[in-house]
Amino acid sequence: MNSGDGDAKKVAATNIHDLLRDRICLLEYRPGAMLREIEIAGEFNVSRTPVREAFQRLSIEGLVEVRNGIGTFVTTMDAEQLREVFDVRIEMAQLFGRIDTRAATAEDVAILAALLARSKVLMDKFDLHEHWSINHKLHFAISDLVLNKTFKEMWHNLYFRAARVWYDVSREIWPDAVALLQMELTDLLTAARENDVEAIGYIKRNYINFCWKRIALREGL
C-alpha cells in the first residue's frame, strides 16, 4: 500500500467518524443501538477497516462501546454519569483565560456574527439539524481559541457526550432552546469583540449550567 492509499483511508475514517458522531448526538442512533460494521461500510462504499477506525475513535470519546465478539453499541449514560459530565464541563469553562489560549480575531467575530444571524431563522422554523449545526460550529469556534491540546481534547469529548441529551431536551422546549442559543451567541459575540477570552469562558459556564438545570428538571434530578 502506498502513502496515498493510507491517507485516503485516514480521510475516510475521519469522515465516517464525524458523521456517525453527529447521528449519535442527534439521536438518529439511540442509546443502546447496535452499529453494524458491514452495513456502514456498504453505505459509504468502503472496506471495514476505516469503519473499525471510526468505531475506535467513538469508543475513546465514550460514545460507543465495542464488545468483542458481539458488536458495537451506542453508550448510555445514567443520571450520575450525566451529572459528572456537566460538572466537569462547568469547571473546565472557568479555566478559559487561565490556560494557554490565543486572542480572538476579526475572523472569530465574523463567525459568531454569522451564527447569530443563522439562529434567528429557527424562531419560526423547527429544524433540529440546523440547531445542531449552529451549536456544532459554535463549539469548534470557541474551542479554536484554546491552544492547550489536552484541555481541548477533553473539552471536545465531554461536549459530544452531553450533546445528545441536550438535543433531546431541545425538541421539547424548542422556543426556549432557540432563545438560549441566541442569547449565548450575543454574549459571546460581545466578549469576542472585546477580546475577553476569560469572559468567553464564564459565558460558556453560565450557559452550560443553564442547560444542565433544564436537563435535570426533565429527568427529575
Foldseek 3Di string as FASTA:
>chain_A
DDVVVVVVLVVVLVVLLVVVLVCLLQCVAPFFRFDDQVVSCVVVVHDSVSVVVSLVVCVVLVQWDQDPPPGIGGHDDDPVRLVVLLVVLLVLLLCFVVADFAFQDPVLLVLLVVLLVQLVVQLVPPDLVNVVVSVVSVQVSLLNRHPPPVSSVSNVSSCSVNSSLLSVLCVVVVNVSSVLVNVLSVQLSVCNVVRNRSSNSNSSSVSSVVSVVSSCVVVVD
